[in-house]
Amino acid sequence: MSKPKLHVKKGDEVRVIAGKDKGRQGEILKVIPTESRVVVEGVNIIKKHAQPTQDNPQGGIIEREAPIHSSNVMLVCQDCNEATRTGKKVLDSGEKVRYCKNCDEIVD
């Protein structure tokens, strides 16, 4: 079975368009294509209780980002600085790129 394709990838700047963190913006830290989820920096923060270990001898409560569904994020174009839909097109050189549907500039 092939992996589902997502409209965003690791390192992209995205804005959350739905949920408790709506309007927040951050960089994608991790992509989970099998579940169609992404981990965005500073978004969907959860508190996790950690046992004391060698690395963390104190233990305690750790705050970290949890995955959110990829349909709840939208790519932010660097040129027009807006959350935008993207399209794909093939350049004359044969390279396949994503482009902003608002300003028609290449996103990659």
PDB file of N, CA and C in Angstrom:
ATOM      1  N   MET A   1       0.834  -1.192   0.000  1.00  0.00           N
ATOM      2  CA  MET A   1       0.000   0.000   0.000  1.00  0.00           C
ATOM      3  C   MET A   1       0.879   1.256   0.000  1.00  0.00           C
ATOM      4  N   SER A   2       0.578   2.214  -0.863  1.00  0.00           N
ATOM      5  CA  SER A   2       1.388   3.423  -0.964  1.00  0.00           C
ATOM      6  C   SER A   2       1.013   4.425   0.123  1.00  0.00           C
ATOM      7  N   LYS A   3       1.983   5.306   0.456  1.00  0.00           N
ATOM      8  CA  LYS A   3       1.749   6.331   1.470  1.00  0.00           C
ATOM      9  C   LYS A   3       0.849   7.420   0.897  1.00  0.00           C
ATOM     10  N   PRO A   4      -0.093   7.933   1.685  1.00  0.00           N
ATOM     11  CA  PRO A   4      -0.908   9.047   1.208  1.00  0.00           C
ATOM     12  C   PRO A   4      -0.056  10.306   1.055  1.00  0.00           C
ATOM     13  N   LYS A   5      -0.364  11.121   0.062  1.00  0.00           N
ATOM     14  CA  LYS A   5       0.368  12.359  -0.188  1.00  0.00           C
ATOM     15  C   LYS A   5      -0.269  13.493   0.615  1.00  0.00           C
ATOM     16  N   LEU A   6       0.580  14.351   1.169  1.00  0.00           N
ATOM     17  CA  LEU A   6       0.107  15.510   1.918  1.00  0.00           C
ATOM     18  C   LEU A   6       0.465  16.788   1.170  1.00  0.00           C
ATOM     19  N   HIS A   7      -0.261  17.853   1.444  1.00  0.00           N
ATOM     20  CA  HIS A   7      -0.015  19.128   0.762  1.00  0.00           C
ATOM     21  C   HIS A   7       1.088  19.940   1.428  1.00  0.00           C
ATOM     22  N   VAL A   8       1.612  19.450   2.550  1.00  0.00           N
ATOM     23  CA  VAL A   8       2.688  20.133   3.262  1.00  0.00           C
ATOM     24  C   VAL A   8       3.812  19.145   3.536  1.00  0.00           C
ATOM     25  N   LYS A   9       5.007  19.684   3.834  1.00  0.00           N
ATOM     26  CA  LYS A   9       6.126  18.813   4.166  1.00  0.00           C
ATOM     27  C   LYS A   9       6.945  19.426   5.296  1.00  0.00           C
ATOM     28  N   LYS A  10       7.886  18.658   5.821  1.00  0.00           N
ATOM     29  CA  LYS A  10       8.707  19.087   6.945  1.00  0.00           C
ATOM     30  C   LYS A  10       9.459  20.369   6.582  1.00  0.00           C
ATOM     31  N   GLY A  11       9.435  21.337   7.510  1.00  0.00           N
ATOM     32  CA  GLY A  11      10.128  22.597   7.277  1.00  0.00           C
ATOM     33  C   GLY A  11       9.236  23.699   6.739  1.00  0.00           C
ATOM     34  N   ASP A  12       8.035  23.360   6.280  1.00  0.00           N
ATOM     35  CA  ASP A  12       7.102  24.368   5.769  1.00  0.00           C
ATOM     36  C   ASP A  12       6.577  25.237   6.908  1.00  0.00           C
ATOM     37  N   GLU A  13       6.327  26.502   6.614  1.00  0.00           N
ATOM     38  CA  GLU A  13       5.672  27.417   7.543  1.00  0.00           C
ATOM     39  C   GLU A  13       4.174  27.302   7.301  1.00  0.00           C
ATOM     40  N   VAL A  14       3.405  26.963   8.336  1.00  0.00           N
ATOM     41  CA  VAL A  14       1.964  26.758   8.177  1.00  0.00           C
ATOM     42  C   VAL A  14       1.180  27.564   9.211  1.00  0.00           C
ATOM     43  N   ARG A  15      -0.089  27.798   8.908  1.00  0.00           N
ATOM     44  CA  ARG A  15      -1.016  28.447   9.828  1.00  0.00           C
ATOM     45  C   ARG A  15      -2.153  27.483  10.113  1.00  0.00           C
ATOM     46  N   VAL A  16      -2.559  27.385  11.385  1.00  0.00           N
ATOM     47  CA  VAL A  16      -3.654  26.504  11.783  1.00  0.00           C
ATOM     48  C   VAL A  16      -4.966  27.195  11.436  1.00  0.00           C
ATOM     49  N   ILE A  17      -5.858  26.466  10.732  1.00  0.00           N
ATOM     50  CA  ILE A  17      -7.116  27.070  10.281  1.00  0.00           C
ATOM     51  C   ILE A  17      -8.334  26.527  11.011  1.00  0.00           C
ATOM     52  N   ALA A  18      -8.137  25.547  11.908  1.00  0.00           N
ATOM     53  CA  ALA A  18      -9.259  24.988  12.653  1.00  0.00           C
ATOM     54  C   ALA A  18      -8.761  24.411  13.966  1.00  0.00           C
ATOM     55  N   GLY A  19      -9.629  24.406  14.978  1.00  0.00           N
ATOM     56  CA  GLY A  19      -9.287  23.808  16.263  1.00  0.00           C
ATOM     57  C   GLY A  19      -8.961  24.853  17.311  1.00  0.00           C
ATOM     58  N   LYS A  20      -8.478  24.376  18.462  1.00  0.00           N
ATOM     59  CA  LYS A  20      -8.234  25.268  19.594  1.00  0.00           C
ATOM     60  C   LYS A  20      -7.090  26.241  19.357  1.00  0.00           C
ATOM     61  N   ASP A  21      -6.171  25.923  18.442  1.00  0.00           N
ATOM     62  CA  ASP A  21      -5.031  26.785  18.145  1.00  0.00           C
ATOM     63  C   ASP A  21      -5.217  27.559  16.842  1.00  0.00           C
ATOM     64  N   LYS A  22      -6.459  27.771  16.430  1.00  0.00           N
ATOM     65  CA  LYS A  22      -6.745  28.464  15.169  1.00  0.00           C
ATOM     66  C   LYS A  22      -6.060  29.821  15.130  1.00  0.00           C
ATOM     67  N   GLY A  23      -5.379  30.108  13.998  1.00  0.00           N
ATOM     68  CA  GLY A  23      -4.696  31.376  13.822  1.00  0.00           C
ATOM     69  C   GLY A  23      -3.222  31.327  14.163  1.00  0.00           C
ATOM     70  N   ARG A  24      -2.793  30.310  14.894  1.00  0.00           N
ATOM     71  CA  ARG A  24      -1.381  30.192  15.246  1.00  0.00           C
ATOM     72  C   ARG A  24      -0.557  29.768  14.043  1.00  0.00           C
ATOM     73  N   GLN A  25       0.709  30.135  14.043  1.00  0.00           N
ATOM     74  CA  GLN A  25       1.588  29.859  12.925  1.00  0.00           C
ATOM     75  C   GLN A  25       2.869  29.214  13.447  1.00  0.00           C
ATOM     76  N   GLY A  26       3.430  28.279  12.686  1.00  0.00           N
ATOM     77  CA  GLY A  26       4.666  27.633  13.092  1.00  0.00           C
ATOM     78  C   GLY A  26       5.231  26.760  11.992  1.00  0.00           C
ATOM     79  N   GLU A  27       6.406  26.225  12.256  1.00  0.00           N
ATOM     80  CA  GLU A  27       7.098  25.364  11.284  1.00  0.00           C
ATOM     81  C   GLU A  27       6.757  23.906  11.559  1.00  0.00           C
ATOM     82  N   ILE A  28       6.636  23.112  10.499  1.00  0.00           N
ATOM     83  CA  ILE A  28       6.350  21.692  10.655  1.00  0.00           C
ATOM     84  C   ILE A  28       7.623  20.981  11.092  1.00  0.00           C
ATOM     85  N   LEU A  29       7.543  20.289  12.234  1.00  0.00           N
ATOM     86  CA  LEU A  29       8.690  19.564  12.780  1.00  0.00           C
ATOM     87  C   LEU A  29       8.715  18.114  12.327  1.00  0.00           C
ATOM     88  N   LYS A  30       7.529  17.528  12.128  1.00  0.00           N
ATOM     89  CA  LYS A  30       7.440  16.108  11.780  1.00  0.00           C
ATOM     90  C   LYS A  30       6.176  15.871  10.976  1.00  0.00           C
ATOM     91  N   VAL A  31       6.253  14.970  10.005  1.00  0.00           N
ATOM     92  CA  VAL A  31       5.101  14.605   9.187  1.00  0.00           C
ATOM     93  C   VAL A  31       4.837  13.110   9.380  1.00  0.00           C
ATOM     94  N   ILE A  32       3.574  12.755   9.610  1.00  0.00           N
ATOM     95  CA  ILE A  32       3.173  11.356   9.758  1.00  0.00           C
ATOM     96  C   ILE A  32       2.181  11.041   8.642  1.00  0.00           C
ATOM     97  N   PRO A  33       2.676  10.654   7.445  1.00  0.00           N
ATOM     98  CA  PRO A  33       1.792  10.488   6.292  1.00  0.00           C
ATOM     99  C   PRO A  33       0.783   9.354   6.427  1.00  0.00           C
ATOM    100  N   THR A  34       1.119   8.295   7.158  1.00  0.00           N
ATOM    101  CA  THR A  34       0.180   7.166   7.287  1.00  0.00           C
ATOM    102  C   THR A  34      -1.083   7.561   8.035  1.00  0.00           C
ATOM    103  N   GLU A  35      -0.970   8.563   8.917  1.00  0.00           N
ATOM    104  CA  GLU A  35      -2.129   9.038   9.686  1.00  0.00           C
ATOM    105  C   GLU A  35      -2.620  10.405   9.207  1.00  0.00           C
ATOM    106  N   SER A  36      -1.997  10.968   8.174  1.00  0.00           N
ATOM    107  CA  SER A  36      -2.303  12.310   7.657  1.00  0.00           C
ATOM    108  C   SER A  36      -2.213  13.369   8.751  1.00  0.00           C
ATOM    109  N   ARG A  37      -1.173  13.280   9.561  1.00  0.00           N
ATOM    110  CA  ARG A  37      -0.990  14.220  10.663  1.00  0.00           C
ATOM    111  C   ARG A  37       0.375  14.899  10.585  1.00  0.00           C
ATOM    112  N   VAL A  38       0.461  16.082  11.194  1.00  0.00           N
ATOM    113  CA  VAL A  38       1.711  16.826  11.252  1.00  0.00           C
ATOM    114  C   VAL A  38       1.920  17.364  12.669  1.00  0.00           C
ATOM    115  N   VAL A  39       3.189  17.551  13.046  1.00  0.00           N
ATOM    116  CA  VAL A  39       3.538  18.165  14.319  1.00  0.00           C
ATOM    117  C   VAL A  39       4.063  19.558  13.999  1.00  0.00           C
ATOM    118  N   VAL A  40       3.394  20.580  14.546  1.00  0.00           N
ATOM    119  CA  VAL A  40       3.751  21.972  14.263  1.00  0.00           C
ATOM    120  C   VAL A  40       4.346  22.595  15.523  1.00  0.00           C
ATOM    121  N   GLU A  41       5.435  23.339  15.336  1.00  0.00           N
ATOM    122  CA  GLU A  41       6.149  23.968  16.439  1.00  0.00           C
ATOM    123  C   GLU A  41       5.247  24.949  17.187  1.00  0.00           C
ATOM    124  N   GLY A  42       5.090  24.735  18.499  1.00  0.00           N
ATOM    125  CA  GLY A  42       4.323  25.646  19.351  1.00  0.00           C
ATOM    126  C   GLY A  42       2.815  25.518  19.245  1.00  0.00           C
ATOM    127  N   VAL A  43       2.323  24.451  18.586  1.00  0.00           N
ATOM    128  CA  VAL A  43       0.885  24.271  18.395  1.00  0.00           C
ATOM    129  C   VAL A  43       0.458  22.940  19.016  1.00  0.00           C
ATOM    130  N   ASN A  44      -0.742  22.908  19.612  1.00  0.00           N
ATOM    131  CA  ASN A  44      -1.309  21.706  20.224  1.00  0.00           C
ATOM    132  C   ASN A  44      -0.386  21.166  21.313  1.00  0.00           C
ATOM    133  N   ILE A  45      -0.037  22.025  22.261  1.00  0.00           N
ATOM    134  CA  ILE A  45       0.857  21.655  23.361  1.00  0.00           C
ATOM    135  C   ILE A  45       0.100  20.777  24.361  1.00  0.00           C
ATOM    136  N   ILE A  46       0.723  19.637  24.722  1.00  0.00           N
ATOM    137  CA  ILE A  46       0.147  18.742  25.723  1.00  0.00           C
ATOM    138  C   ILE A  46       1.117  18.621  26.885  1.00  0.00           C
ATOM    139  N   LYS A  47       0.612  18.197  28.036  1.00  0.00           N
ATOM    140  CA  LYS A  47       1.454  17.958  29.204  1.00  0.00           C
ATOM    141  C   LYS A  47       1.584  16.457  29.386  1.00  0.00           C
ATOM    142  N   LYS A  48       2.819  15.992  29.442  1.00  0.00           N
ATOM    143  CA  LYS A  48       3.086  14.563  29.549  1.00  0.00           C
ATOM    144  C   LYS A  48       3.818  14.320  30.867  1.00  0.00           C
ATOM    145  N   HIS A  49       3.342  13.366  31.643  1.00  0.00           N
ATOM    146  CA  HIS A  49       3.970  13.021  32.921  1.00  0.00           C
ATOM    147  C   HIS A  49       5.108  12.051  32.652  1.00  0.00           C
ATOM    148  N   ALA A  50       6.311  12.403  33.093  1.00  0.00           N
ATOM    149  CA  ALA A  50       7.495  11.593  32.811  1.00  0.00           C
ATOM    150  C   ALA A  50       8.074  11.011  34.096  1.00  0.00           C
ATOM    151  N   GLN A  51       8.408   9.727  34.054  1.00  0.00           N
ATOM    152  CA  GLN A  51       9.092   9.059  35.155  1.00  0.00           C
ATOM    153  C   GLN A  51      10.532   9.559  35.205  1.00  0.00           C
ATOM    154  N   PRO A  52      11.151   9.562  36.363  1.00  0.00           N
ATOM    155  CA  PRO A  52      12.577   9.892  36.421  1.00  0.00           C
ATOM    156  C   PRO A  52      13.410   8.856  35.664  1.00  0.00           C
ATOM    157  N   THR A  53      14.358   9.333  34.830  1.00  0.00           N
ATOM    158  CA  THR A  53      15.227   8.456  34.056  1.00  0.00           C
ATOM    159  C   THR A  53      16.665   8.963  34.176  1.00  0.00           C
ATOM    160  N   GLN A  54      17.601   8.287  33.493  1.00  0.00           N
ATOM    161  CA  GLN A  54      18.988   8.731  33.473  1.00  0.00           C
ATOM    162  C   GLN A  54      19.094  10.135  32.869  1.00  0.00           C
ATOM    163  N   ASP A  55      18.370  10.350  31.756  1.00  0.00           N
ATOM    164  CA  ASP A  55      18.418  11.648  31.072  1.00  0.00           C
ATOM    165  C   ASP A  55      17.712  12.736  31.874  1.00  0.00           C
ATOM    166  N   ASN A  56      16.594  12.374  32.489  1.00  0.00           N
ATOM    167  CA  ASN A  56      15.776  13.329  33.236  1.00  0.00           C
ATOM    168  C   ASN A  56      15.605  12.816  34.667  1.00  0.00           C
ATOM    169  N   PRO A  57      16.609  13.009  35.538  1.00  0.00           N
ATOM    170  CA  PRO A  57      16.547  12.416  36.880  1.00  0.00           C
ATOM    171  C   PRO A  57      15.451  13.015  37.765  1.00  0.00           C
ATOM    172  N   GLN A  58      14.994  14.222  37.449  1.00  0.00           N
ATOM    173  CA  GLN A  58      13.951  14.866  38.232  1.00  0.00           C
ATOM    174  C   GLN A  58      12.566  14.294  37.912  1.00  0.00           C
ATOM    175  N   GLY A  59      12.344  13.908  36.634  1.00  0.00           N
ATOM    176  CA  GLY A  59      11.002  13.482  36.225  1.00  0.00           C
ATOM    177  C   GLY A  59      10.111  14.700  36.120  1.00  0.00           C
ATOM    178  N   GLY A  60       8.819  14.517  36.312  1.00  0.00           N
ATOM    179  CA  GLY A  60       7.905  15.655  36.337  1.00  0.00           C
ATOM    180  C   GLY A  60       7.029  15.750  35.105  1.00  0.00           C
ATOM    181  N   ILE A  61       6.513  16.953  34.874  1.00  0.00           N
ATOM    182  CA  ILE A  61       5.580  17.193  33.776  1.00  0.00           C
ATOM    183  C   ILE A  61       6.322  17.899  32.645  1.00  0.00           C
ATOM    184  N   ILE A  62       6.236  17.312  31.451  1.00  0.00           N
ATOM    185  CA  ILE A  62       6.913  17.853  30.272  1.00  0.00           C
ATOM    186  C   ILE A  62       5.862  18.343  29.292  1.00  0.00           C
ATOM    187  N   GLU A  63       6.065  19.546  28.749  1.00  0.00           N
ATOM    188  CA  GLU A  63       5.158  20.066  27.722  1.00  0.00           C
ATOM    189  C   GLU A  63       5.782  19.813  26.364  1.00  0.00           C
ATOM    190  N   ARG A  64       4.975  19.288  25.418  1.00  0.00           N
ATOM    191  CA  ARG A  64       5.480  19.042  24.078  1.00  0.00           C
ATOM    192  C   ARG A  64       4.339  19.140  23.071  1.00  0.00           C
ATOM    193  N   GLU A  65       4.709  19.212  21.778  1.00  0.00           N
ATOM    194  CA  GLU A  65       3.711  19.336  20.723  1.00  0.00           C
ATOM    195  C   GLU A  65       3.135  17.960  20.396  1.00  0.00           C
ATOM    196  N   ALA A  66       1.820  17.914  20.173  1.00  0.00           N
ATOM    197  CA  ALA A  66       1.151  16.689  19.740  1.00  0.00           C
ATOM    198  C   ALA A  66       0.744  16.863  18.279  1.00  0.00           C
ATOM    199  N   PRO A  67       0.583  15.745  17.540  1.00  0.00           N
ATOM    200  CA  PRO A  67       0.201  15.858  16.133  1.00  0.00           C
ATOM    201  C   PRO A  67      -1.215  16.395  15.953  1.00  0.00           C
ATOM    202  N   ILE A  68      -1.420  17.137  14.855  1.00  0.00           N
ATOM    203  CA  ILE A  68      -2.763  17.566  14.457  1.00  0.00           C
ATOM    204  C   ILE A  68      -2.984  17.115  13.017  1.00  0.00           C
ATOM    205  N   HIS A  69      -4.232  17.045  12.615  1.00  0.00           N
ATOM    206  CA  HIS A  69      -4.550  16.562  11.270  1.00  0.00           C
ATOM    207  C   HIS A  69      -4.092  17.578  10.234  1.00  0.00           C
ATOM    208  N   SER A  70      -3.571  17.063   9.125  1.00  0.00           N
ATOM    209  CA  SER A  70      -3.007  17.941   8.095  1.00  0.00           C
ATOM    210  C   SER A  70      -4.060  18.825   7.427  1.00  0.00           C
ATOM    211  N   SER A  71      -5.332  18.432   7.498  1.00  0.00           N
ATOM    212  CA  SER A  71      -6.382  19.261   6.897  1.00  0.00           C
ATOM    213  C   SER A  71      -6.648  20.522   7.716  1.00  0.00           C
ATOM    214  N   ASN A  72      -6.122  20.568   8.940  1.00  0.00           N
ATOM    215  CA  ASN A  72      -6.318  21.738   9.796  1.00  0.00           C
ATOM    216  C   ASN A  72      -5.199  22.767   9.666  1.00  0.00           C
ATOM    217  N   VAL A  73      -4.257  22.543   8.746  1.00  0.00           N
ATOM    218  CA  VAL A  73      -3.187  23.517   8.525  1.00  0.00           C
ATOM    219  C   VAL A  73      -3.157  23.936   7.066  1.00  0.00           C
ATOM    220  N   MET A  74      -2.669  25.160   6.841  1.00  0.00           N
ATOM    221  CA  MET A  74      -2.561  25.707   5.499  1.00  0.00           C
ATOM    222  C   MET A  74      -1.184  26.322   5.336  1.00  0.00           C
ATOM    223  N   LEU A  75      -0.568  26.094   4.203  1.00  0.00           N
ATOM    224  CA  LEU A  75       0.767  26.604   3.916  1.00  0.00           C
ATOM    225  C   LEU A  75       0.752  28.132   3.852  1.00  0.00           C
ATOM    226  N   VAL A  76       1.786  28.767   4.420  1.00  0.00           N
ATOM    227  CA  VAL A  76       1.914  30.222   4.372  1.00  0.00           C
ATOM    228  C   VAL A  76       2.922  30.572   3.284  1.00  0.00           C
ATOM    229  N   CYS A  77       2.485  31.387   2.315  1.00  0.00           N
ATOM    230  CA  CYS A  77       3.344  31.830   1.217  1.00  0.00           C
ATOM    231  C   CYS A  77       4.318  32.884   1.744  1.00  0.00           C
ATOM    232  N   GLN A  78       5.609  32.784   1.376  1.00  0.00           N
ATOM    233  CA  GLN A  78       6.600  33.753   1.844  1.00  0.00           C
ATOM    234  C   GLN A  78       6.424  35.110   1.164  1.00  0.00           C
ATOM    235  N   ASP A  79       5.923  35.125  -0.073  1.00  0.00           N
ATOM    236  CA  ASP A  79       5.795  36.381  -0.818  1.00  0.00           C
ATOM    237  C   ASP A  79       4.597  37.210  -0.360  1.00  0.00           C
ATOM    238  N   CYS A  80       3.407  36.601  -0.335  1.00  0.00           N
ATOM    239  CA  CYS A  80       2.213  37.369   0.047  1.00  0.00           C
ATOM    240  C   CYS A  80       1.901  37.244   1.544  1.00  0.00           C
ATOM    241  N   ASN A  81       2.654  36.408   2.279  1.00  0.00           N
ATOM    242  CA  ASN A  81       2.528  36.229   3.726  1.00  0.00           C
ATOM    243  C   ASN A  81       1.096  35.900   4.158  1.00  0.00           C
ATOM    244  N   GLU A  82       0.406  35.072   3.377  1.00  0.00           N
ATOM    245  CA  GLU A  82      -0.947  34.636   3.703  1.00  0.00           C
ATOM    246  C   GLU A  82      -1.025  33.123   3.667  1.00  0.00           C
ATOM    247  N   ALA A  83      -1.981  32.575   4.420  1.00  0.00           N
ATOM    248  CA  ALA A  83      -2.258  31.151   4.314  1.00  0.00           C
ATOM    249  C   ALA A  83      -2.923  30.935   2.963  1.00  0.00           C
ATOM    250  N   THR A  84      -2.432  29.987   2.201  1.00  0.00           N
ATOM    251  CA  THR A  84      -2.893  29.848   0.829  1.00  0.00           C
ATOM    252  C   THR A  84      -2.991  28.398   0.411  1.00  0.00           C
ATOM    253  N   ARG A  85      -3.856  28.165  -0.572  1.00  0.00           N
ATOM    254  CA  ARG A  85      -3.882  26.848  -1.204  1.00  0.00           C
ATOM    255  C   ARG A  85      -2.718  26.789  -2.177  1.00  0.00           C
ATOM    256  N   THR A  86      -2.269  25.591  -2.472  1.00  0.00           N
ATOM    257  CA  THR A  86      -1.160  25.435  -3.397  1.00  0.00           C
ATOM    258  C   THR A  86      -1.572  24.565  -4.568  1.00  0.00           C
ATOM    259  N   GLY A  87      -0.885  24.762  -5.661  1.00  0.00           N
ATOM    260  CA  GLY A  87      -1.055  23.925  -6.836  1.00  0.00           C
ATOM    261  C   GLY A  87       0.306  23.383  -7.226  1.00  0.00           C
ATOM    262  N   LYS A  88       0.310  22.450  -8.152  1.00  0.00           N
ATOM    263  CA  LYS A  88       1.570  21.896  -8.632  1.00  0.00           C
ATOM    264  C   LYS A  88       1.673  22.131 -10.119  1.00  0.00           C
ATOM    265  N   LYS A  89       2.882  22.483 -10.570  1.00  0.00           N
ATOM    266  CA  LYS A  89       3.099  22.643 -11.999  1.00  0.00           C
ATOM    267  C   LYS A  89       4.508  22.191 -12.339  1.00  0.00           C
ATOM    268  N   VAL A  90       4.697  21.850 -13.608  1.00  0.00           N
ATOM    269  CA  VAL A  90       5.996  21.395 -14.082  1.00  0.00           C
ATOM    270  C   VAL A  90       6.661  22.552 -14.825  1.00  0.00           C
ATOM    271  N   LEU A  91       7.894  22.870 -14.428  1.00  0.00           N
ATOM    272  CA  LEU A  91       8.647  23.935 -15.074  1.00  0.00           C
ATOM    273  C   LEU A  91       9.216  23.442 -16.403  1.00  0.00           C
ATOM    274  N   ASP A  92       9.762  24.359 -17.193  1.00  0.00           N
ATOM    275  CA  ASP A  92      10.368  24.000 -18.485  1.00  0.00           C
ATOM    276  C   ASP A  92      11.530  23.019 -18.312  1.00  0.00           C
ATOM    277  N   SER A  93      12.204  23.122 -17.156  1.00  0.00           N
ATOM    278  CA  SER A  93      13.345  22.236 -16.890  1.00  0.00           C
ATOM    279  C   SER A  93      12.893  20.817 -16.523  1.00  0.00           C
ATOM    280  N   GLY A  94      11.579  20.618 -16.367  1.00  0.00           N
ATOM    281  CA  GLY A  94      11.053  19.302 -16.012  1.00  0.00           C
ATOM    282  C   GLY A  94      10.879  19.110 -14.518  1.00  0.00           C
ATOM    283  N   GLU A  95      11.201  20.142 -13.739  1.00  0.00           N
ATOM    284  CA  GLU A  95      11.080  20.071 -12.291  1.00  0.00           C
ATOM    285  C   GLU A  95       9.628  20.333 -11.870  1.00  0.00           C
ATOM    286  N   LYS A  96       9.123  19.507 -10.936  1.00  0.00           N
ATOM    287  CA  LYS A  96       7.762  19.679 -10.427  1.00  0.00           C
ATOM    288  C   LYS A  96       7.824  20.525  -9.157  1.00  0.00           C
ATOM    289  N   VAL A  97       7.067  21.628  -9.118  1.00  0.00           N
ATOM    290  CA  VAL A  97       7.110  22.553  -7.983  1.00  0.00           C
ATOM    291  C   VAL A  97       5.697  22.885  -7.511  1.00  0.00           C
ATOM    292  N   ARG A  98       5.624  23.387  -6.260  1.00  0.00           N
ATOM    293  CA  ARG A  98       4.362  23.894  -5.722  1.00  0.00           C
ATOM    294  C   ARG A  98       4.328  25.403  -5.921  1.00  0.00           C
ATOM    295  N   TYR A  99       3.128  25.935  -6.166  1.00  0.00           N
ATOM    296  CA  TYR A  99       3.011  27.389  -6.313  1.00  0.00           C
ATOM    297  C   TYR A  99       1.806  27.888  -5.528  1.00  0.00           C
ATOM    298  N   CYS A 100       1.876  29.161  -5.151  1.00  0.00           N
ATOM    299  CA  CYS A 100       0.820  29.821  -4.390  1.00  0.00           C
ATOM    300  C   CYS A 100      -0.325  30.161  -5.336  1.00  0.00           C
ATOM    301  N   LYS A 101      -1.546  29.804  -4.968  1.00  0.00           N
ATOM    302  CA  LYS A 101      -2.692  30.090  -5.821  1.00  0.00           C
ATOM    303  C   LYS A 101      -3.121  31.561  -5.723  1.00  0.00           C
ATOM    304  N   ASN A 102      -2.645  32.299  -4.691  1.00  0.00           N
ATOM    305  CA  ASN A 102      -2.983  33.709  -4.568  1.00  0.00           C
ATOM    306  C   ASN A 102      -2.108  34.576  -5.469  1.00  0.00           C
ATOM    307  N   CYS A 103      -0.774  34.447  -5.303  1.00  0.00           N
ATOM    308  CA  CYS A 103       0.136  35.346  -6.028  1.00  0.00           C
ATOM    309  C   CYS A 103       0.877  34.654  -7.170  1.00  0.00           C
ATOM    310  N   ASP A 104       0.655  33.364  -7.386  1.00  0.00           N
ATOM    311  CA  ASP A 104       1.224  32.599  -8.479  1.00  0.00           C
ATOM    312  C   ASP A 104       2.755  32.483  -8.409  1.00  0.00           C
ATOM    313  N   GLU A 105       3.334  32.629  -7.206  1.00  0.00           N
ATOM    314  CA  GLU A 105       4.777  32.497  -7.016  1.00  0.00           C
ATOM    315  C   GLU A 105       5.107  31.066  -6.578  1.00  0.00           C
ATOM    316  N   ILE A 106       6.307  30.611  -6.899  1.00  0.00           N
ATOM    317  CA  ILE A 106       6.756  29.273  -6.516  1.00  0.00           C
ATOM    318  C   ILE A 106       7.034  29.253  -5.015  1.00  0.00           C
ATOM    319  N   VAL A 107       6.536  28.228  -4.316  1.00  0.00           N
ATOM    320  CA  VAL A 107       6.640  28.147  -2.864  1.00  0.00           C
ATOM    321  C   VAL A 107       7.923  27.451  -2.421  1.00  0.00           C
ATOM    322  N   ASP A 108       8.362  26.428  -3.108  1.00  0.00           N
ATOM    323  CA  ASP A 108       9.514  25.632  -2.670  1.00  0.00           C
ATOM    324  C   ASP A 108      10.790  26.416  -2.563  1.00  0.00           C
TER     325      ASP A 108
END
